[in-house]
C-alpha atoms as a PDB file:
ATOM      1  CA  MET A   1     141.724-123.851  81.565  1.00  0.00           C
ATOM      2  CA  ARG A   2     138.765-121.578  81.112  1.00  0.00           C
ATOM      3  CA  ARG A   3     138.648-120.041  77.633  1.00  0.00           C
ATOM      4  CA  ARG A   4     135.876-118.056  76.027  1.00  0.00           C
ATOM      5  CA  PRO A   5     137.462-116.276  73.104  1.00  0.00           C
ATOM      6  CA  LEU A   6     135.548-113.175  72.185  1.00  0.00           C
ATOM      7  CA  PRO A   7     136.782-110.892  69.436  1.00  0.00           C
ATOM      8  CA  LEU A   8     137.431-107.457  70.875  1.00  0.00           C
ATOM      9  CA  VAL A   9     134.820-105.086  69.663  1.00  0.00           C
ATOM     10  CA  LEU A  10     137.345-102.588  68.492  1.00  0.00           C
ATOM     11  CA  ALA A  11     138.798-101.730  65.144  1.00  0.00           C
ATOM     12  CA  ALA A  12     142.374-102.598  64.290  1.00  0.00           C
ATOM     13  CA  THR A  13     143.862-100.214  66.783  1.00  0.00           C
ATOM     14  CA  ALA A  14     141.597-100.908  69.451  1.00  0.00           C
ATOM     15  CA  ALA A  15     141.064-102.733  72.504  1.00  0.00           C
ATOM     16  CA  LEU A  16     141.273-101.532  75.891  1.00  0.00           C
ATOM     17  CA  ALA A  17     139.230-100.375  78.747  1.00  0.00           C
ATOM     18  CA  LEU A  18     138.472 -98.003  81.483  1.00  0.00           C
ATOM     19  CA  THR A  19     140.051 -98.221  84.834  1.00  0.00           C
ATOM     20  CA  ALA A  20     141.857 -96.680  87.515  1.00  0.00           C
ATOM     21  CA  CYS A  21     145.387 -97.472  88.472  1.00  0.00           C
ATOM     22  CA  ALA A  22     147.023 -96.436  91.657  1.00  0.00           C
ATOM     23  CA  PRO A  23     149.252 -93.910  93.285  1.00  0.00           C
ATOM     24  CA  GLN A  24     152.758 -94.587  92.263  1.00  0.00           C
ATOM     25  CA  GLU A  25     155.308 -94.703  94.971  1.00  0.00           C
ATOM     26  CA  GLU A  26     156.937 -98.050  94.348  1.00  0.00           C
ATOM     27  CA  SER A  27     156.185-101.230  92.485  1.00  0.00           C
ATOM     28  CA  THR A  28     157.138-104.766  93.250  1.00  0.00           C
ATOM     29  CA  ASP A  29     159.188-107.234  91.267  1.00  0.00           C
ATOM     30  CA  ALA A  30     157.203-109.806  89.289  1.00  0.00           C
ATOM     31  CA  GLY A  31     156.989-113.092  91.070  1.00  0.00           C
ATOM     32  CA  SER A  32     157.351-111.720  94.580  1.00  0.00           C
ATOM     33  CA  THR A  33     154.714-112.084  97.245  1.00  0.00           C
ATOM     34  CA  THR A  34     153.511-108.640  98.299  1.00  0.00           C
ATOM     35  CA  GLY A  35     151.313-109.436 101.271  1.00  0.00           C
ATOM     36  CA  GLY A  36     151.898-110.867 104.685  1.00  0.00           C
ATOM     37  CA  GLY A  37     149.169-113.447 105.155  1.00  0.00           C
ATOM     38  CA  SER A  38     149.083-117.151 104.546  1.00  0.00           C
ATOM     39  CA  SER A  39     146.359-119.763 104.563  1.00  0.00           C
ATOM     40  CA  ALA A  40     145.279-120.808 108.006  1.00  0.00           C
ATOM     41  CA  THR A  41     146.785-124.311 107.664  1.00  0.00           C
ATOM     42  CA  GLY A  42     149.287-123.760 104.860  1.00  0.00           C
ATOM     43  CA  ALA A  43     147.212-125.687 102.299  1.00  0.00           C
ATOM     44  CA  CYS A  44     145.957-123.775  99.299  1.00  0.00           C
ATOM     45  CA  THR A  45     142.805-125.791  98.657  1.00  0.00           C
ATOM     46  CA  PRO A  46     139.108-124.887  98.962  1.00  0.00           C
ATOM     47  CA  ASP A  47     138.768-127.192 101.990  1.00  0.00           C
ATOM     48  CA  GLU A  48     141.543-125.386 103.802  1.00  0.00           C
ATOM     49  CA  LEU A  49     141.320-121.764 102.647  1.00  0.00           C
ATOM     50  CA  ASP A  50     139.710-119.367 105.118  1.00  0.00           C
ATOM     51  CA  THR A  51     137.376-117.689 102.621  1.00  0.00           C
ATOM     52  CA  LEU A  52     134.482-115.372 103.332  1.00  0.00           C
ATOM     53  CA  GLU A  53     132.059-118.213 102.625  1.00  0.00           C
ATOM     54  CA  PRO A  54     133.235-121.816 103.025  1.00  0.00           C
ATOM     55  CA  GLY A  55     133.826-123.523  99.696  1.00  0.00           C
ATOM     56  CA  THR A  56     133.176-120.299  97.766  1.00  0.00           C
ATOM     57  CA  LEU A  57     135.627-117.739  96.382  1.00  0.00           C
ATOM     58  CA  THR A  58     134.133-114.243  96.525  1.00  0.00           C
ATOM     59  CA  ILE A  59     135.757-111.869  94.020  1.00  0.00           C
ATOM     60  CA  ALA A  60     135.033-108.152  93.777  1.00  0.00           C
ATOM     61  CA  THR A  61     135.353-105.505  91.120  1.00  0.00           C
ATOM     62  CA  ASP A  62     133.949-102.030  90.508  1.00  0.00           C
ATOM     63  CA  GLU A  63     130.694-101.089  88.800  1.00  0.00           C
ATOM     64  CA  PRO A  64     130.709-100.501  85.942  1.00  0.00           C
ATOM     65  CA  ALA A  65     133.486-102.924  84.995  1.00  0.00           C
ATOM     66  CA  TYR A  66     135.167-101.636  81.862  1.00  0.00           C
ATOM     67  CA  GLU A  67     136.576-103.291  78.768  1.00  0.00           C
ATOM     68  CA  PRO A  68     139.005-104.794  77.966  1.00  0.00           C
ATOM     69  CA  TRP A  69     139.308-105.858  81.577  1.00  0.00           C
ATOM     70  CA  PHE A  70     135.711-107.110  81.526  1.00  0.00           C
ATOM     71  CA  VAL A  71     133.131-107.464  78.773  1.00  0.00           C
ATOM     72  CA  ASP A  72     129.551-106.166  78.886  1.00  0.00           C
ATOM     73  CA  ASP A  73     129.995-105.125  82.544  1.00  0.00           C
ATOM     74  CA  ALA A  74     129.523-108.794  83.432  1.00  0.00           C
ATOM     75  CA  PRO A  75     132.567-110.143  85.318  1.00  0.00           C
ATOM     76  CA  GLU A  76     130.864-113.483  85.789  1.00  0.00           C
ATOM     77  CA  ASN A  77     131.047-114.269  82.057  1.00  0.00           C
ATOM     78  CA  GLY A  78     134.809-114.866  82.181  1.00  0.00           C
ATOM     79  CA  GLU A  79     135.398-112.495  79.268  1.00  0.00           C
ATOM     80  CA  GLY A  80     137.967-109.698  79.369  1.00  0.00           C
ATOM     81  CA  PHE A  81     141.502-109.842  80.731  1.00  0.00           C
ATOM     82  CA  GLU A  82     140.850-109.399  84.437  1.00  0.00           C
ATOM     83  CA  SER A  83     137.776-111.621  84.497  1.00  0.00           C
ATOM     84  CA  ALA A  84     139.778-114.354  82.772  1.00  0.00           C
ATOM     85  CA  VAL A  85     142.687-113.847  85.212  1.00  0.00           C
ATOM     86  CA  ALA A  86     140.321-114.058  88.179  1.00  0.00           C
ATOM     87  CA  TYR A  87     138.839-117.358  86.985  1.00  0.00           C
ATOM     88  CA  ALA A  88     142.302-118.715  86.215  1.00  0.00           C
ATOM     89  CA  VAL A  89     143.414-117.895  89.779  1.00  0.00           C
ATOM     90  CA  ALA A  90     140.242-119.535  91.117  1.00  0.00           C
ATOM     91  CA  GLU A  91     140.920-122.662  89.041  1.00  0.00           C
ATOM     92  CA  GLN A  92     144.552-122.746  90.223  1.00  0.00           C
ATOM     93  CA  LEU A  93     143.243-122.721  93.794  1.00  0.00           C
ATOM     94  CA  GLY A  94     140.848-125.541  93.049  1.00  0.00           C
ATOM     95  CA  TYR A  95     137.571-123.677  92.648  1.00  0.00           C
ATOM     96  CA  ALA A  96     135.152-124.547  89.864  1.00  0.00           C
ATOM     97  CA  GLU A  97     133.382-121.770  87.983  1.00  0.00           C
ATOM     98  CA  ASP A  98     130.212-122.411  89.989  1.00  0.00           C
ATOM     99  CA  ASP A  99     132.187-121.919  93.229  1.00  0.00           C
ATOM    100  CA  VAL A 100     133.044-118.324  92.259  1.00  0.00           C
ATOM    101  CA  THR A 101     130.723-115.511  93.202  1.00  0.00           C
ATOM    102  CA  TRP A 102     131.114-111.817  92.281  1.00  0.00           C
ATOM    103  CA  THR A 103     130.367-108.686  94.226  1.00  0.00           C
ATOM    104  CA  ARG A 104     130.771-104.987  93.422  1.00  0.00           C
ATOM    105  CA  VAL A 105     132.918-102.628  95.479  1.00  0.00           C
ATOM    106  CA  PRO A 106     133.884 -99.076  94.415  1.00  0.00           C
ATOM    107  CA  PHE A 107     137.599 -98.657  93.678  1.00  0.00           C
ATOM    108  CA  ASN A 108     138.095 -96.046  96.379  1.00  0.00           C
ATOM    109  CA  ALA A 109     136.299 -98.089  99.044  1.00  0.00           C
ATOM    110  CA  ALA A 110     138.414-101.171  98.302  1.00  0.00           C
ATOM    111  CA  ILE A 111     141.699 -99.448  99.091  1.00  0.00           C
ATOM    112  CA  GLN A 112     140.533 -98.000 102.407  1.00  0.00           C
ATOM    113  CA  PRO A 113     141.223 -99.737 105.725  1.00  0.00           C
ATOM    114  CA  GLY A 114     138.459-101.886 107.152  1.00  0.00           C
ATOM    115  CA  ALA A 115     136.534-105.101 106.643  1.00  0.00           C
ATOM    116  CA  ARG A 116     136.222-106.445 103.122  1.00  0.00           C
ATOM    117  CA  PRO A 117     133.098-108.140 101.612  1.00  0.00           C
ATOM    118  CA  PHE A 118     135.343-110.215  99.313  1.00  0.00           C
ATOM    119  CA  ASP A 119     138.240-112.645  99.276  1.00  0.00           C
ATOM    120  CA  PHE A 120     140.114-110.640  96.660  1.00  0.00           C
ATOM    121  CA  ASP A 121     139.354-107.691  94.407  1.00  0.00           C
ATOM    122  CA  VAL A 122     140.480-107.321  90.783  1.00  0.00           C
ATOM    123  CA  ASN A 123     140.220-103.761  89.494  1.00  0.00           C
ATOM    124  CA  GLN A 124     143.495-102.518  88.007  1.00  0.00           C
ATOM    125  CA  PHE A 125     144.974-101.850  91.426  1.00  0.00           C
ATOM    126  CA  SER A 126     148.557-100.655  91.150  1.00  0.00           C
ATOM    127  CA  ILE A 127     150.801-102.087  93.843  1.00  0.00           C
ATOM    128  CA  THR A 128     152.304 -99.314  95.984  1.00  0.00           C
ATOM    129  CA  GLU A 129     153.934 -99.079  99.376  1.00  0.00           C
ATOM    130  CA  GLU A 130     151.364 -96.505 100.462  1.00  0.00           C
ATOM    131  CA  ARG A 131     148.505 -98.848  99.735  1.00  0.00           C
ATOM    132  CA  ARG A 132     150.206-101.761 101.395  1.00  0.00           C
ATOM    133  CA  GLN A 133     149.756 -99.915 104.691  1.00  0.00           C
ATOM    134  CA  ALA A 134     146.027-100.666 104.430  1.00  0.00           C
ATOM    135  CA  VAL A 135     145.741-103.741 102.181  1.00  0.00           C
ATOM    136  CA  ASP A 136     147.594-106.771 100.865  1.00  0.00           C
ATOM    137  CA  PHE A 137     148.452-107.418  97.228  1.00  0.00           C
ATOM    138  CA  SER A 138     149.143-110.592  95.334  1.00  0.00           C
ATOM    139  CA  SER A 139     152.117-110.933  93.050  1.00  0.00           C
ATOM    140  CA  PRO A 140     151.642-108.713  89.976  1.00  0.00           C
ATOM    141  CA  TYR A 141     149.663-110.110  87.073  1.00  0.00           C
ATOM    142  CA  TYR A 142     150.134-107.206  84.602  1.00  0.00           C
ATOM    143  CA  THR A 143     152.426-104.226  83.986  1.00  0.00           C
ATOM    144  CA  VAL A 144     151.121-101.075  82.327  1.00  0.00           C
ATOM    145  CA  SER A 145     152.093 -97.460  81.654  1.00  0.00           C
ATOM    146  CA  GLN A 146     149.994 -94.290  81.696  1.00  0.00           C
ATOM    147  CA  ALA A 147     148.892 -92.287  78.662  1.00  0.00           C
ATOM    148  CA  VAL A 148     147.292 -88.958  77.789  1.00  0.00           C
ATOM    149  CA  ILE A 149     144.268 -88.932  75.500  1.00  0.00           C
ATOM    150  CA  THR A 150     142.335 -86.100  73.906  1.00  0.00           C
ATOM    151  CA  THR A 151     140.030 -85.351  70.992  1.00  0.00           C
ATOM    152  CA  ALA A 152     141.059 -84.221  67.529  1.00  0.00           C
ATOM    153  CA  GLY A 153     141.605 -80.503  67.298  1.00  0.00           C
ATOM    154  CA  SER A 154     141.983 -79.891  71.026  1.00  0.00           C
ATOM    155  CA  ALA A 155     144.802 -77.921  72.569  1.00  0.00           C
ATOM    156  CA  ALA A 156     146.491 -81.196  73.491  1.00  0.00           C
ATOM    157  CA  ASP A 157     146.219 -82.733  70.022  1.00  0.00           C
ATOM    158  CA  GLY A 158     149.660 -82.827  68.426  1.00  0.00           C
ATOM    159  CA  ALA A 159     151.634 -82.585  71.672  1.00  0.00           C
ATOM    160  CA  THR A 160     154.822 -84.624  71.502  1.00  0.00           C
ATOM    161  CA  SER A 161     156.386 -83.838  74.884  1.00  0.00           C
ATOM    162  CA  ILE A 162     155.519 -83.293  78.498  1.00  0.00           C
ATOM    163  CA  ALA A 163     156.415 -79.627  78.020  1.00  0.00           C
ATOM    164  CA  ASP A 164     153.736 -79.315  75.320  1.00  0.00           C
ATOM    165  CA  LEU A 165     151.123 -80.269  77.925  1.00  0.00           C
ATOM    166  CA  GLN A 166     152.058 -77.531  80.353  1.00  0.00           C
ATOM    167  CA  ASN A 167     149.371 -74.919  81.033  1.00  0.00           C
ATOM    168  CA  LEU A 168     146.664 -77.177  79.617  1.00  0.00           C
ATOM    169  CA  ARG A 169     143.594 -78.279  81.546  1.00  0.00           C
ATOM    170  CA  LEU A 170     144.140 -81.967  82.269  1.00  0.00           C
ATOM    171  CA  GLY A 171     142.263 -84.405  84.457  1.00  0.00           C
ATOM    172  CA  ALA A 172     142.225 -87.930  85.879  1.00  0.00           C
ATOM    173  CA  GLN A 173     140.229 -90.185  88.180  1.00  0.00           C
ATOM    174  CA  VAL A 174     140.605 -89.664  91.909  1.00  0.00           C
ATOM    175  CA  ALA A 175     142.914 -91.973  93.903  1.00  0.00           C
ATOM    176  CA  THR A 176     144.589 -93.462  90.827  1.00  0.00           C
ATOM    177  CA  THR A 177     148.074 -93.729  89.455  1.00  0.00           C
ATOM    178  CA  SER A 178     146.787 -91.779  86.506  1.00  0.00           C
ATOM    179  CA  LEU A 179     146.186 -88.803  88.805  1.00  0.00           C
ATOM    180  CA  ASP A 180     149.539 -89.404  90.495  1.00  0.00           C
ATOM    181  CA  VAL A 181     151.384 -89.316  87.175  1.00  0.00           C
ATOM    182  CA  LEU A 182     149.449 -86.202  86.161  1.00  0.00           C
ATOM    183  CA  THR A 183     150.358 -84.300  89.311  1.00  0.00           C
ATOM    184  CA  ASP A 184     153.905 -85.616  89.797  1.00  0.00           C
ATOM    185  CA  VAL A 185     155.199 -86.002  86.256  1.00  0.00           C
ATOM    186  CA  ILE A 186     153.096 -84.210  83.681  1.00  0.00           C
ATOM    187  CA  ALA A 187     151.987 -80.982  85.348  1.00  0.00           C
ATOM    188  CA  PRO A 188     153.292 -80.708  88.924  1.00  0.00           C
ATOM    189  CA  GLU A 189     152.685 -76.954  89.002  1.00  0.00           C
ATOM    190  CA  GLU A 190     149.166 -77.068  87.639  1.00  0.00           C
ATOM    191  CA  GLN A 191     145.887 -77.792  89.403  1.00  0.00           C
ATOM    192  CA  PRO A 192     144.473 -81.053  87.969  1.00  0.00           C
ATOM    193  CA  VAL A 193     140.796 -81.654  87.332  1.00  0.00           C
ATOM    194  CA  VAL A 194     139.835 -84.640  89.469  1.00  0.00           C
ATOM    195  CA  PHE A 195     136.915 -86.924  88.557  1.00  0.00           C
ATOM    196  CA  ASN A 196     135.102 -89.573  90.544  1.00  0.00           C
ATOM    197  CA  THR A 197     135.225 -92.038  87.637  1.00  0.00           C
ATOM    198  CA  ASN A 198     136.774 -92.385  84.207  1.00  0.00           C
ATOM    199  CA  ASP A 199     133.276 -92.072  82.740  1.00  0.00           C
ATOM    200  CA  ASP A 200     133.064 -88.580  84.239  1.00  0.00           C
ATOM    201  CA  ALA A 201     136.500 -87.740  82.894  1.00  0.00           C
ATOM    202  CA  LYS A 202     135.632 -89.027  79.446  1.00  0.00           C
ATOM    203  CA  LEU A 203     132.402 -87.000  79.356  1.00  0.00           C
ATOM    204  CA  ALA A 204     134.258 -83.841  80.382  1.00  0.00           C
ATOM    205  CA  LEU A 205     136.807 -84.433  77.626  1.00  0.00           C
ATOM    206  CA  GLN A 206     134.107 -85.010  75.026  1.00  0.00           C
ATOM    207  CA  ASN A 207     132.359 -81.790  76.110  1.00  0.00           C
ATOM    208  CA  GLY A 208     135.560 -79.764  75.927  1.00  0.00           C
ATOM    209  CA  GLN A 209     135.740 -79.094  79.658  1.00  0.00           C
ATOM    210  CA  VAL A 210     139.291 -80.451  79.765  1.00  0.00           C
ATOM    211  CA  ASP A 211     142.008 -80.584  77.104  1.00  0.00           C
ATOM    212  CA  GLY A 212     143.010 -84.141  77.940  1.00  0.00           C
ATOM    213  CA  ILE A 213     142.779 -86.905  80.517  1.00  0.00           C
ATOM    214  CA  VAL A 214     145.287 -89.424  81.842  1.00  0.00           C
ATOM    215  CA  VAL A 215     144.410 -93.151  81.877  1.00  0.00           C
ATOM    216  CA  ASP A 216     146.351 -96.369  81.642  1.00  0.00           C
ATOM    217  CA  LEU A 217     147.475 -97.335  78.128  1.00  0.00           C
ATOM    218  CA  PRO A 218     145.013-100.191  77.523  1.00  0.00           C
ATOM    219  CA  THR A 219     142.196 -97.925  78.615  1.00  0.00           C
ATOM    220  CA  ALA A 220     143.504 -95.216  76.312  1.00  0.00           C
ATOM    221  CA  PHE A 221     143.227 -97.498  73.295  1.00  0.00           C
ATOM    222  CA  PHE A 222     139.752 -98.619  74.209  1.00  0.00           C
ATOM    223  CA  ILE A 223     138.362 -95.130  74.886  1.00  0.00           C
ATOM    224  CA  THR A 224     139.817 -93.526  71.774  1.00  0.00           C
ATOM    225  CA  ALA A 225     138.736 -96.383  69.524  1.00  0.00           C
ATOM    226  CA  ALA A 226     135.289 -97.159  70.906  1.00  0.00           C
ATOM    227  CA  GLU A 227     133.964 -94.479  73.221  1.00  0.00           C
ATOM    228  CA  LEU A 228     135.155 -91.042  72.127  1.00  0.00           C
ATOM    229  CA  ASP A 229     134.224 -89.144  68.990  1.00  0.00           C
ATOM    230  CA  ASN A 230     137.540 -88.348  67.262  1.00  0.00           C
ATOM    231  CA  GLY A 231     139.546 -89.714  70.169  1.00  0.00           C
ATOM    232  CA  VAL A 232     143.329 -89.372  69.975  1.00  0.00           C
ATOM    233  CA  ILE A 233     146.130 -90.928  72.007  1.00  0.00           C
ATOM    234  CA  VAL A 234     148.550 -88.063  72.599  1.00  0.00           C
ATOM    235  CA  GLY A 235     151.221 -90.392  73.927  1.00  0.00           C
ATOM    236  CA  GLN A 236     152.309 -92.584  76.789  1.00  0.00           C
ATOM    237  CA  VAL A 237     154.262 -91.299  79.758  1.00  0.00           C
ATOM    238  CA  GLU A 238     157.649 -92.960  79.952  1.00  0.00           C
ATOM    239  CA  ASP A 239     158.111 -92.099  83.604  1.00  0.00           C
ATOM    240  CA  SER A 240     155.119 -94.112  84.848  1.00  0.00           C
ATOM    241  CA  GLY A 241     157.115 -95.989  87.456  1.00  0.00           C
ATOM    242  CA  GLU A 242     159.795 -98.646  87.473  1.00  0.00           C
ATOM    243  CA  GLY A 243     158.880-100.520  84.314  1.00  0.00           C
ATOM    244  CA  GLY A 244     155.318 -99.275  84.562  1.00  0.00           C
ATOM    245  CA  ASP A 245     152.550 -99.841  87.047  1.00  0.00           C
ATOM    246  CA  GLN A 246     152.139-103.399  88.281  1.00  0.00           C
ATOM    247  CA  PHE A 247     148.596-104.546  88.929  1.00  0.00           C
ATOM    248  CA  GLY A 248     147.941-106.938  91.795  1.00  0.00           C
ATOM    249  CA  LEU A 249     144.903-108.649  93.228  1.00  0.00           C
ATOM    250  CA  LEU A 250     143.851-106.760  96.354  1.00  0.00           C
ATOM    251  CA  LEU A 251     143.115-108.509  99.664  1.00  0.00           C
ATOM    252  CA  ALA A 252     142.382-107.406 103.190  1.00  0.00           C
ATOM    253  CA  LYS A 253     145.433-106.452 105.241  1.00  0.00           C
ATOM    254  CA  ASP A 254     147.101-109.579 106.611  1.00  0.00           C
ATOM    255  CA  SER A 255     144.579-111.765 104.824  1.00  0.00           C
ATOM    256  CA  PRO A 256     145.075-115.500 105.406  1.00  0.00           C
ATOM    257  CA  LEU A 257     144.667-115.896 101.637  1.00  0.00           C
ATOM    258  CA  THR A 258     147.449-113.612 100.434  1.00  0.00           C
ATOM    259  CA  ASP A 259     150.218-116.162 100.091  1.00  0.00           C
ATOM    260  CA  CYS A 260     148.016-118.713  98.360  1.00  0.00           C
ATOM    261  CA  VAL A 261     146.635-116.151  95.915  1.00  0.00           C
ATOM    262  CA  SER A 262     150.170-114.978  95.158  1.00  0.00           C
ATOM    263  CA  GLN A 263     151.299-118.551  94.611  1.00  0.00           C
ATOM    264  CA  ALA A 264     148.417-119.019  92.172  1.00  0.00           C
ATOM    265  CA  VAL A 265     149.377-115.877  90.231  1.00  0.00           C
ATOM    266  CA  ASP A 266     153.034-116.966  90.194  1.00  0.00           C
ATOM    267  CA  ALA A 267     152.050-120.403  88.824  1.00  0.00           C
ATOM    268  CA  LEU A 268     149.978-118.783  86.063  1.00  0.00           C
ATOM    269  CA  ARG A 269     152.908-116.589  85.118  1.00  0.00           C
ATOM    270  CA  GLU A 270     155.357-119.495  85.083  1.00  0.00           C
ATOM    271  CA  ASP A 271     153.168-121.792  82.971  1.00  0.00           C
ATOM    272  CA  GLY A 272     152.474-119.051  80.417  1.00  0.00           C
ATOM    273  CA  THR A 273     148.775-118.583  81.212  1.00  0.00           C
ATOM    274  CA  LEU A 274     149.089-114.883  81.977  1.00  0.00           C
ATOM    275  CA  ASP A 275     150.887-114.303  78.696  1.00  0.00           C
ATOM    276  CA  GLU A 276     148.189-116.233  76.844  1.00  0.00           C
ATOM    277  CA  LEU A 277     145.407-114.204  78.444  1.00  0.00           C
ATOM    278  CA  GLU A 278     147.231-110.964  77.767  1.00  0.00           C
ATOM    279  CA  GLN A 279     147.613-111.972  74.116  1.00  0.00           C
ATOM    280  CA  GLN A 280     143.961-112.953  73.891  1.00  0.00           C
ATOM    281  CA  TRP A 281     142.477-109.837  75.481  1.00  0.00           C
ATOM    282  CA  LEU A 282     145.102-107.100  75.176  1.00  0.00           C
ATOM    283  CA  SER A 283     146.926-107.895  71.953  1.00  0.00           C
ATOM    284  CA  ASP A 284     145.374-105.014  70.002  1.00  0.00           C
ATOM    285  CA  VAL A 285     147.188-102.459  72.122  1.00  0.00           C
ATOM    286  CA  ALA A 286     149.622-101.099  69.609  1.00  0.00           C
ATOM    287  CA  ASP A 287     152.691 -99.092  70.490  1.00  0.00           C
ATOM    288  CA  ALA A 288     151.821 -95.513  71.390  1.00  0.00           C
ATOM    289  CA  PRO A 289     154.252 -92.617  70.976  1.00  0.00           C
ATOM    290  CA  VAL A 290     156.266 -91.773  74.084  1.00  0.00           C
ATOM    291  CA  LEU A 291     156.013 -88.209  75.344  1.00  0.00           C
ATOM    292  CA  SER A 292     159.536 -86.843  75.608  1.00  0.00           C
END
């Protein structure tokens, strides 16, 4: 099993990274296959899998790739939760580290219909019915909730309820569950500020252009601890979906790899590998207050 322990570069509270989740219509139960494809011959081995390049597993993520999901914007180093998960899936399928190649695909482009320059993409994609119209998902490898963050002294600092956030200027990244939760749960009657990336959202928050932004909880801990001056987690949103967003590996619609990739994720869950990786890379995420 691939292991490269790296202490998270955060203080005691700290550890978790930027991302984008996904619109939240419906999640899937852990352990269930969420795509429709299967390997061409039924065998989940490199010799039999119909990959983009024979004998090679091509994995995609966004650029930049944020902590704690990746470390140093280098998915190929195996450090960070999602990088480690990707290599664990590759190993489960029989691929050595040298048989894995990485490519970069913007989050928004990955969820659109069309050809894919990868075998699967790992980028905090929430599994939803809407997205499954255009893409396949593996079984879920992580469940997460959404959170609101701000800076000390802002209008959002000290809020303890959803009602306290009404009439504030809040934002989130486009095409994400964070934006979905903002518009559907937090402030359905307000016009959200929509950003192309979480970096843009973070900069706007730091400059006082918004009162707060919505990100997933691991990202909230990372940003407030390592990337924002006087960053504050206002609280997590309890109504972030059935048990929280479930992240799945994204594949092309009706990919011949979907079943095998899901089987690999299921095996990693059953043998405790996913729990070990979560503990290694996400253990510093402390409990955040829940917005009532």
